[in-house]
C-alpha atoms as a PDB file:
ATOM      1  CA  UNK A   1      -7.990 -22.338 -65.310  1.00  0.00           C
ATOM      2  CA  UNK A   2      -7.779 -25.321 -62.944  1.00  0.00           C
ATOM      3  CA  UNK A   3      -4.320 -26.181 -64.313  1.00  0.00           C
ATOM      4  CA  UNK A   4      -3.148 -22.625 -63.625  1.00  0.00           C
ATOM      5  CA  UNK A   5      -4.475 -22.763 -60.047  1.00  0.00           C
ATOM      6  CA  UNK A   6      -2.754 -26.105 -59.464  1.00  0.00           C
ATOM      7  CA  UNK A   7       0.502 -24.663 -60.747  1.00  0.00           C
ATOM      8  CA  UNK A   8       0.251 -21.689 -58.361  1.00  0.00           C
ATOM      9  CA  UNK A   9      -0.421 -24.004 -55.392  1.00  0.00           C
ATOM     10  CA  UNK A  10       2.534 -26.219 -56.303  1.00  0.00           C
ATOM     11  CA  UNK A  11       4.830 -23.211 -56.594  1.00  0.00           C
ATOM     12  CA  UNK A  12       3.609 -21.907 -53.233  1.00  0.00           C
ATOM     13  CA  UNK A  13       4.191 -25.251 -51.510  1.00  0.00           C
ATOM     14  CA  UNK A  14       7.645 -25.548 -53.012  1.00  0.00           C
ATOM     15  CA  UNK A  15       8.449 -22.058 -51.718  1.00  0.00           C
ATOM     16  CA  UNK A  16       7.402 -23.091 -48.210  1.00  0.00           C
ATOM     17  CA  UNK A  17       9.491 -26.211 -48.360  1.00  0.00           C
ATOM     18  CA  UNK A  18      12.530 -24.377 -49.636  1.00  0.00           C
ATOM     19  CA  UNK A  19      12.540 -21.361 -47.314  1.00  0.00           C
ATOM     20  CA  UNK A  20      10.686 -22.818 -44.284  1.00  0.00           C
ATOM     21  CA  UNK A  21       9.352 -19.276 -43.707  1.00  0.00           C
ATOM     22  CA  UNK A  22       6.197 -17.751 -45.102  1.00  0.00           C
ATOM     23  CA  UNK A  23       5.484 -14.048 -45.322  1.00  0.00           C
ATOM     24  CA  UNK A  24       2.022 -12.561 -45.694  1.00  0.00           C
ATOM     25  CA  UNK A  25       2.201  -8.876 -46.502  1.00  0.00           C
ATOM     26  CA  UNK A  26       6.000  -8.984 -46.400  1.00  0.00           C
ATOM     27  CA  UNK A  27       8.712 -10.321 -48.692  1.00  0.00           C
ATOM     28  CA  UNK A  28      11.207 -10.692 -45.848  1.00  0.00           C
ATOM     29  CA  UNK A  29       9.672 -13.047 -43.227  1.00  0.00           C
ATOM     30  CA  UNK A  30      11.430 -13.216 -39.859  1.00  0.00           C
ATOM     31  CA  UNK A  31       9.653 -16.281 -38.521  1.00  0.00           C
ATOM     32  CA  UNK A  32       8.048 -19.481 -39.785  1.00  0.00           C
ATOM     33  CA  UNK A  33       4.914 -17.407 -40.426  1.00  0.00           C
ATOM     34  CA  UNK A  34       5.323 -13.637 -40.546  1.00  0.00           C
ATOM     35  CA  UNK A  35       2.149 -11.573 -40.972  1.00  0.00           C
ATOM     36  CA  UNK A  36       2.534  -7.872 -41.682  1.00  0.00           C
ATOM     37  CA  UNK A  37      -0.964  -6.708 -40.809  1.00  0.00           C
ATOM     38  CA  UNK A  38      -3.959  -7.784 -38.784  1.00  0.00           C
ATOM     39  CA  UNK A  39      -4.882 -11.301 -37.756  1.00  0.00           C
ATOM     40  CA  UNK A  40      -8.408 -12.559 -37.111  1.00  0.00           C
ATOM     41  CA  UNK A  41      -9.243 -15.888 -35.502  1.00  0.00           C
ATOM     42  CA  UNK A  42     -12.849 -16.929 -34.915  1.00  0.00           C
ATOM     43  CA  UNK A  43     -14.520 -19.830 -33.119  1.00  0.00           C
ATOM     44  CA  UNK A  44     -11.431 -20.803 -31.131  1.00  0.00           C
ATOM     45  CA  UNK A  45     -11.948 -23.805 -28.847  1.00  0.00           C
ATOM     46  CA  UNK A  46     -11.739 -23.409 -25.078  1.00  0.00           C
ATOM     47  CA  UNK A  47      -8.896 -24.950 -23.124  1.00  0.00           C
ATOM     48  CA  UNK A  48      -9.612 -28.504 -22.055  1.00  0.00           C
ATOM     49  CA  UNK A  49      -7.197 -28.833 -19.142  1.00  0.00           C
ATOM     50  CA  UNK A  50      -6.016 -26.767 -16.205  1.00  0.00           C
ATOM     51  CA  UNK A  51      -2.737 -25.931 -17.897  1.00  0.00           C
ATOM     52  CA  UNK A  52      -4.419 -24.508 -20.997  1.00  0.00           C
ATOM     53  CA  UNK A  53      -6.665 -22.304 -18.856  1.00  0.00           C
ATOM     54  CA  UNK A  54      -3.577 -20.672 -17.305  1.00  0.00           C
ATOM     55  CA  UNK A  55      -1.936 -19.725 -20.616  1.00  0.00           C
ATOM     56  CA  UNK A  56      -2.707 -16.931 -23.074  1.00  0.00           C
ATOM     57  CA  UNK A  57      -1.208 -15.705 -26.326  1.00  0.00           C
ATOM     58  CA  UNK A  58       0.818 -12.504 -26.330  1.00  0.00           C
ATOM     59  CA  UNK A  59       3.410 -10.739 -28.465  1.00  0.00           C
ATOM     60  CA  UNK A  60       6.970 -10.006 -27.415  1.00  0.00           C
ATOM     61  CA  UNK A  61       9.017  -6.895 -28.207  1.00  0.00           C
ATOM     62  CA  UNK A  62       9.681  -8.166 -31.723  1.00  0.00           C
ATOM     63  CA  UNK A  63       6.017  -8.847 -32.416  1.00  0.00           C
ATOM     64  CA  UNK A  64       6.451 -12.619 -32.217  1.00  0.00           C
ATOM     65  CA  UNK A  65       3.501 -14.512 -30.745  1.00  0.00           C
ATOM     66  CA  UNK A  66       4.382 -16.282 -27.490  1.00  0.00           C
ATOM     67  CA  UNK A  67       2.480 -18.084 -24.745  1.00  0.00           C
ATOM     68  CA  UNK A  68       2.623 -16.682 -21.234  1.00  0.00           C
ATOM     69  CA  UNK A  69       1.092 -17.936 -18.018  1.00  0.00           C
ATOM     70  CA  UNK A  70      -1.190 -15.943 -15.741  1.00  0.00           C
ATOM     71  CA  UNK A  71       1.539 -15.210 -13.186  1.00  0.00           C
ATOM     72  CA  UNK A  72       3.657 -13.528 -15.868  1.00  0.00           C
ATOM     73  CA  UNK A  73       0.752 -11.302 -16.843  1.00  0.00           C
ATOM     74  CA  UNK A  74       0.134 -10.207 -13.258  1.00  0.00           C
ATOM     75  CA  UNK A  75       3.811  -9.747 -12.381  1.00  0.00           C
ATOM     76  CA  UNK A  76       3.819  -5.946 -12.705  1.00  0.00           C
ATOM     77  CA  UNK A  77       0.272  -5.381 -11.501  1.00  0.00           C
ATOM     78  CA  UNK A  78      -0.005  -3.990  -7.981  1.00  0.00           C
ATOM     79  CA  UNK A  79      -2.676  -5.481  -5.733  1.00  0.00           C
ATOM     80  CA  UNK A  80      -3.439  -4.268  -2.201  1.00  0.00           C
ATOM     81  CA  UNK A  81      -2.668  -6.891   0.420  1.00  0.00           C
ATOM     82  CA  UNK A  82      -3.292  -6.515   4.148  1.00  0.00           C
ATOM     83  CA  UNK A  83      -0.012  -7.183   5.972  1.00  0.00           C
ATOM     84  CA  UNK A  84      -0.961  -5.885   9.417  1.00  0.00           C
ATOM     85  CA  UNK A  85      -4.278  -5.281  11.133  1.00  0.00           C
ATOM     86  CA  UNK A  86      -4.755  -4.607  14.832  1.00  0.00           C
ATOM     87  CA  UNK A  87      -7.027  -2.959  17.359  1.00  0.00           C
ATOM     88  CA  UNK A  88      -5.538  -1.114  20.319  1.00  0.00           C
ATOM     89  CA  UNK A  89      -7.229  -0.379  23.592  1.00  0.00           C
ATOM     90  CA  UNK A  90      -8.047  -1.291  27.149  1.00  0.00           C
ATOM     91  CA  UNK A  91     -10.989  -1.204  29.516  1.00  0.00           C
ATOM     92  CA  UNK A  92      -9.293   1.492  31.606  1.00  0.00           C
ATOM     93  CA  UNK A  93     -10.909   4.949  31.537  1.00  0.00           C
ATOM     94  CA  UNK A  94      -8.128   6.292  29.335  1.00  0.00           C
ATOM     95  CA  UNK A  95      -6.404   4.495  26.516  1.00  0.00           C
ATOM     96  CA  UNK A  96      -2.583   4.417  26.751  1.00  0.00           C
ATOM     97  CA  UNK A  97      -2.204   4.671  22.975  1.00  0.00           C
ATOM     98  CA  UNK A  98       0.844   6.934  23.334  1.00  0.00           C
ATOM     99  CA  UNK A  99       2.967   8.421  26.089  1.00  0.00           C
ATOM    100  CA  UNK A 100       0.847  10.352  28.591  1.00  0.00           C
ATOM    101  CA  UNK A 101       1.540  14.036  29.219  1.00  0.00           C
ATOM    102  CA  UNK A 102      -0.364  16.484  31.358  1.00  0.00           C
ATOM    103  CA  UNK A 103       0.160  19.150  30.262  1.00  0.00           C
ATOM    104  CA  UNK A 104       1.489  18.427  26.756  1.00  0.00           C
ATOM    105  CA  UNK A 105       3.944  20.936  25.344  1.00  0.00           C
ATOM    106  CA  UNK A 106       3.841  22.443  21.878  1.00  0.00           C
ATOM    107  CA  UNK A 107       5.730  20.300  19.378  1.00  0.00           C
ATOM    108  CA  UNK A 108       6.044  17.374  21.778  1.00  0.00           C
ATOM    109  CA  UNK A 109       5.894  13.991  20.059  1.00  0.00           C
ATOM    110  CA  UNK A 110       3.371  11.676  21.674  1.00  0.00           C
ATOM    111  CA  UNK A 111       4.475   8.338  20.267  1.00  0.00           C
ATOM    112  CA  UNK A 112       1.786   5.803  19.478  1.00  0.00           C
ATOM    113  CA  UNK A 113       1.625   2.943  21.920  1.00  0.00           C
ATOM    114  CA  UNK A 114       1.682  -0.389  20.077  1.00  0.00           C
ATOM    115  CA  UNK A 115       2.052  -2.628  23.126  1.00  0.00           C
ATOM    116  CA  UNK A 116      -0.296  -5.610  23.518  1.00  0.00           C
ATOM    117  CA  UNK A 117      -2.562  -4.997  20.546  1.00  0.00           C
ATOM    118  CA  UNK A 118      -5.368  -7.322  19.544  1.00  0.00           C
ATOM    119  CA  UNK A 119      -3.766  -8.373  16.264  1.00  0.00           C
ATOM    120  CA  UNK A 120      -6.091  -9.679  13.597  1.00  0.00           C
ATOM    121  CA  UNK A 121      -3.324 -10.410  11.091  1.00  0.00           C
ATOM    122  CA  UNK A 122       0.386  -9.840  10.665  1.00  0.00           C
ATOM    123  CA  UNK A 123       2.565 -10.892   7.733  1.00  0.00           C
ATOM    124  CA  UNK A 124       5.986 -10.783   9.335  1.00  0.00           C
ATOM    125  CA  UNK A 125       7.728 -11.358   6.012  1.00  0.00           C
ATOM    126  CA  UNK A 126       6.557  -7.875   4.995  1.00  0.00           C
ATOM    127  CA  UNK A 127       6.385  -5.877   8.253  1.00  0.00           C
ATOM    128  CA  UNK A 128       7.279  -6.312  11.922  1.00  0.00           C
ATOM    129  CA  UNK A 129       6.473  -4.427  15.124  1.00  0.00           C
ATOM    130  CA  UNK A 130       9.655  -3.677  17.080  1.00  0.00           C
ATOM    131  CA  UNK A 131       9.401  -2.985  20.831  1.00  0.00           C
ATOM    132  CA  UNK A 132      12.912  -2.158  22.127  1.00  0.00           C
ATOM    133  CA  UNK A 133      12.090  -1.617  25.797  1.00  0.00           C
ATOM    134  CA  UNK A 134       8.856  -3.517  26.273  1.00  0.00           C
ATOM    135  CA  UNK A 135       7.246  -0.342  27.595  1.00  0.00           C
ATOM    136  CA  UNK A 136       4.778   2.039  26.033  1.00  0.00           C
ATOM    137  CA  UNK A 137       5.820   4.673  23.556  1.00  0.00           C
ATOM    138  CA  UNK A 138       8.961   3.431  21.799  1.00  0.00           C
ATOM    139  CA  UNK A 139       7.453   0.877  19.410  1.00  0.00           C
ATOM    140  CA  UNK A 140       7.877   1.213  15.656  1.00  0.00           C
ATOM    141  CA  UNK A 141       7.413  -0.733  12.428  1.00  0.00           C
ATOM    142  CA  UNK A 142      10.250  -2.294  10.458  1.00  0.00           C
ATOM    143  CA  UNK A 143       9.657  -2.934   6.765  1.00  0.00           C
ATOM    144  CA  UNK A 144      11.033  -6.313   5.696  1.00  0.00           C
ATOM    145  CA  UNK A 145       9.950  -6.340   2.058  1.00  0.00           C
ATOM    146  CA  UNK A 146      10.210  -3.589  -0.575  1.00  0.00           C
ATOM    147  CA  UNK A 147       6.997  -2.070  -1.857  1.00  0.00           C
ATOM    148  CA  UNK A 148       4.325   0.584  -1.571  1.00  0.00           C
ATOM    149  CA  UNK A 149       2.648   0.555   1.841  1.00  0.00           C
ATOM    150  CA  UNK A 150      -0.500   2.233   3.098  1.00  0.00           C
ATOM    151  CA  UNK A 151      -0.719   3.040   6.802  1.00  0.00           C
ATOM    152  CA  UNK A 152      -4.238   3.859   7.964  1.00  0.00           C
ATOM    153  CA  UNK A 153      -5.087   4.767  11.558  1.00  0.00           C
ATOM    154  CA  UNK A 154      -8.548   5.467  12.930  1.00  0.00           C
ATOM    155  CA  UNK A 155      -8.937   6.718  16.487  1.00  0.00           C
ATOM    156  CA  UNK A 156     -10.241   9.691  18.460  1.00  0.00           C
ATOM    157  CA  UNK A 157      -9.082  12.027  21.219  1.00  0.00           C
ATOM    158  CA  UNK A 158     -10.769  13.987  23.976  1.00  0.00           C
ATOM    159  CA  UNK A 159      -9.182  17.298  24.979  1.00  0.00           C
ATOM    160  CA  UNK A 160      -9.668  19.626  27.902  1.00  0.00           C
ATOM    161  CA  UNK A 161      -8.708  23.012  26.512  1.00  0.00           C
ATOM    162  CA  UNK A 162      -9.447  26.691  27.037  1.00  0.00           C
ATOM    163  CA  UNK A 163      -8.000  28.236  23.875  1.00  0.00           C
ATOM    164  CA  UNK A 164      -7.677  27.441  20.203  1.00  0.00           C
ATOM    165  CA  UNK A 165      -5.412  24.480  19.557  1.00  0.00           C
ATOM    166  CA  UNK A 166      -3.977  22.480  16.659  1.00  0.00           C
ATOM    167  CA  UNK A 167      -3.067  18.818  16.488  1.00  0.00           C
ATOM    168  CA  UNK A 168      -0.635  17.380  13.966  1.00  0.00           C
ATOM    169  CA  UNK A 169      -0.003  13.792  13.030  1.00  0.00           C
ATOM    170  CA  UNK A 170       3.725  13.106  12.844  1.00  0.00           C
ATOM    171  CA  UNK A 171       5.252  10.305  10.790  1.00  0.00           C
ATOM    172  CA  UNK A 172       8.978   9.528  10.596  1.00  0.00           C
ATOM    173  CA  UNK A 173      10.760   7.082   8.327  1.00  0.00           C
ATOM    174  CA  UNK A 174      14.305   6.189   9.387  1.00  0.00           C
ATOM    175  CA  UNK A 175      15.438   4.768   6.086  1.00  0.00           C
ATOM    176  CA  UNK A 176      17.789   1.840   5.625  1.00  0.00           C
ATOM    177  CA  UNK A 177      20.232   4.143   3.788  1.00  0.00           C
ATOM    178  CA  UNK A 178      20.552   6.191   7.056  1.00  0.00           C
ATOM    179  CA  UNK A 179      18.533   9.159   5.732  1.00  0.00           C
ATOM    180  CA  UNK A 180      15.360  10.345   7.462  1.00  0.00           C
ATOM    181  CA  UNK A 181      12.010  11.404   6.023  1.00  0.00           C
ATOM    182  CA  UNK A 182       9.293  13.125   8.058  1.00  0.00           C
ATOM    183  CA  UNK A 183       5.704  14.095   7.344  1.00  0.00           C
ATOM    184  CA  UNK A 184       3.602  16.373   9.509  1.00  0.00           C
ATOM    185  CA  UNK A 185      -0.105  16.574   8.735  1.00  0.00           C
ATOM    186  CA  UNK A 186      -2.598  18.900  10.424  1.00  0.00           C
ATOM    187  CA  UNK A 187      -5.426  16.632  11.492  1.00  0.00           C
ATOM    188  CA  UNK A 188      -7.439  18.923  13.771  1.00  0.00           C
ATOM    189  CA  UNK A 189      -7.782  22.601  14.585  1.00  0.00           C
ATOM    190  CA  UNK A 190     -10.478  24.281  16.638  1.00  0.00           C
ATOM    191  CA  UNK A 191     -11.774  25.498  19.969  1.00  0.00           C
ATOM    192  CA  UNK A 192     -14.046  23.766  22.478  1.00  0.00           C
ATOM    193  CA  UNK A 193     -17.765  23.852  21.886  1.00  0.00           C
ATOM    194  CA  UNK A 194     -19.531  26.840  23.452  1.00  0.00           C
ATOM    195  CA  UNK A 195     -16.716  29.334  22.997  1.00  0.00           C
ATOM    196  CA  UNK A 196     -13.539  29.491  25.057  1.00  0.00           C
ATOM    197  CA  UNK A 197     -14.388  28.865  28.733  1.00  0.00           C
ATOM    198  CA  UNK A 198     -11.999  26.872  30.882  1.00  0.00           C
ATOM    199  CA  UNK A 199     -12.356  23.108  31.258  1.00  0.00           C
ATOM    200  CA  UNK A 200     -14.445  22.523  28.161  1.00  0.00           C
ATOM    201  CA  UNK A 201     -14.052  18.991  26.810  1.00  0.00           C
ATOM    202  CA  UNK A 202     -14.059  18.328  23.102  1.00  0.00           C
ATOM    203  CA  UNK A 203     -13.807  15.038  21.267  1.00  0.00           C
ATOM    204  CA  UNK A 204     -12.378  14.682  17.783  1.00  0.00           C
ATOM    205  CA  UNK A 205     -12.350  11.624  15.497  1.00  0.00           C
ATOM    206  CA  UNK A 206      -9.053  11.125  13.704  1.00  0.00           C
ATOM    207  CA  UNK A 207      -8.370   9.291  10.470  1.00  0.00           C
ATOM    208  CA  UNK A 208      -4.849   9.224   9.046  1.00  0.00           C
ATOM    209  CA  UNK A 209      -3.846   7.546   5.782  1.00  0.00           C
ATOM    210  CA  UNK A 210      -0.489   7.656   4.019  1.00  0.00           C
ATOM    211  CA  UNK A 211       0.878   5.807   0.967  1.00  0.00           C
ATOM    212  CA  UNK A 212       4.606   5.674   0.330  1.00  0.00           C
ATOM    213  CA  UNK A 213       7.297   3.416  -1.124  1.00  0.00           C
ATOM    214  CA  UNK A 214       9.438   1.709   1.516  1.00  0.00           C
ATOM    215  CA  UNK A 215      12.575  -0.377   1.255  1.00  0.00           C
ATOM    216  CA  UNK A 216      13.372  -3.385   3.393  1.00  0.00           C
ATOM    217  CA  UNK A 217      15.069  -2.129   6.547  1.00  0.00           C
ATOM    218  CA  UNK A 218      13.120   1.155   6.714  1.00  0.00           C
ATOM    219  CA  UNK A 219      11.734   1.901  10.174  1.00  0.00           C
ATOM    220  CA  UNK A 220       8.507   3.826  10.633  1.00  0.00           C
ATOM    221  CA  UNK A 221       6.991   5.407  13.730  1.00  0.00           C
ATOM    222  CA  UNK A 222       4.017   7.664  14.374  1.00  0.00           C
ATOM    223  CA  UNK A 223       3.127  10.317  16.911  1.00  0.00           C
ATOM    224  CA  UNK A 224       0.559  12.977  17.706  1.00  0.00           C
ATOM    225  CA  UNK A 225       2.075  16.412  17.989  1.00  0.00           C
ATOM    226  CA  UNK A 226       0.334  19.354  19.716  1.00  0.00           C
ATOM    227  CA  UNK A 227       1.064  22.540  17.789  1.00  0.00           C
ATOM    228  CA  UNK A 228      -0.091  25.735  19.483  1.00  0.00           C
ATOM    229  CA  UNK A 229       0.964  28.803  21.416  1.00  0.00           C
ATOM    230  CA  UNK A 230       2.978  27.938  24.537  1.00  0.00           C
ATOM    231  CA  UNK A 231       0.284  29.445  26.746  1.00  0.00           C
ATOM    232  CA  UNK A 232      -2.448  27.276  25.235  1.00  0.00           C
ATOM    233  CA  UNK A 233      -1.538  23.887  26.562  1.00  0.00           C
ATOM    234  CA  UNK A 234      -3.528  20.701  26.110  1.00  0.00           C
ATOM    235  CA  UNK A 235      -4.491  19.407  29.529  1.00  0.00           C
ATOM    236  CA  UNK A 236      -5.433  15.921  28.354  1.00  0.00           C
ATOM    237  CA  UNK A 237      -3.927  14.592  25.159  1.00  0.00           C
ATOM    238  CA  UNK A 238      -4.970  10.961  25.426  1.00  0.00           C
ATOM    239  CA  UNK A 239      -7.552   9.174  23.283  1.00  0.00           C
ATOM    240  CA  UNK A 240     -11.051   8.660  24.627  1.00  0.00           C
ATOM    241  CA  UNK A 241     -11.835   5.641  26.755  1.00  0.00           C
ATOM    242  CA  UNK A 242     -13.391   2.636  25.037  1.00  0.00           C
ATOM    243  CA  UNK A 243     -12.952  -1.086  24.835  1.00  0.00           C
ATOM    244  CA  UNK A 244     -10.978  -0.510  21.649  1.00  0.00           C
ATOM    245  CA  UNK A 245      -9.805   2.993  20.948  1.00  0.00           C
ATOM    246  CA  UNK A 246      -7.889   2.618  17.706  1.00  0.00           C
ATOM    247  CA  UNK A 247      -7.715   0.571  14.535  1.00  0.00           C
ATOM    248  CA  UNK A 248      -4.467   0.342  12.580  1.00  0.00           C
ATOM    249  CA  UNK A 249      -4.323  -1.297   9.158  1.00  0.00           C
ATOM    250  CA  UNK A 250      -1.223  -1.616   6.978  1.00  0.00           C
ATOM    251  CA  UNK A 251      -1.548  -2.659   3.344  1.00  0.00           C
ATOM    252  CA  UNK A 252       1.125  -3.432   0.788  1.00  0.00           C
ATOM    253  CA  UNK A 253       0.726  -3.261  -2.969  1.00  0.00           C
ATOM    254  CA  UNK A 254       2.135  -6.591  -4.038  1.00  0.00           C
ATOM    255  CA  UNK A 255       4.210  -7.136  -7.169  1.00  0.00           C
END
């Protein structure tokens, strides 16, 4: 029996030496060791250096085992990254967050004022604030790196209104390919507290959040847009007074 086992081992070793490829579960190996079936490894040692801790085993499209580093694994995973964060405001009674109008007409775009913000962070390689005139109301964002972006704005407005009114949030993307995309979202609808008497003030918190894919060169601007009957004008369309009246955060999902 021992002679037979020795003969089998010798034949197996000679096969390895001759073909340089071993197949387990297959008679047609495609690599030095080709396993057609499952593989179990137990009690593997931990990496002993920084390089080993950054590498893992994986299989390619052919099923061959390869080593890949951590950056390769995370390449197609999207992580949220803050690329712009700012507070906007002043100590004046009213916040010049967008162009003032009194009264404001239905459908009028009240562009957000991005002048002199208190910027907490800005990654200019991903996004830039463009201010063509240096005055309030014509600022916009220019995307400088492809990716999914989230724009989130938190603010509030106080209105002096006698009849039912609606407020939209308007977003326009002047794309690098010369096309234009617009989104209009209804963010508030209602009447002043206590019915419909004249000169009733009402305050409304506003939160806007939008996620979209942008290409480098796309230009984005925002506006409030009164939407109501022409006889129901908004007498005061500016945000409420506070030390800081608005928070704007832009996030990008990194590659």
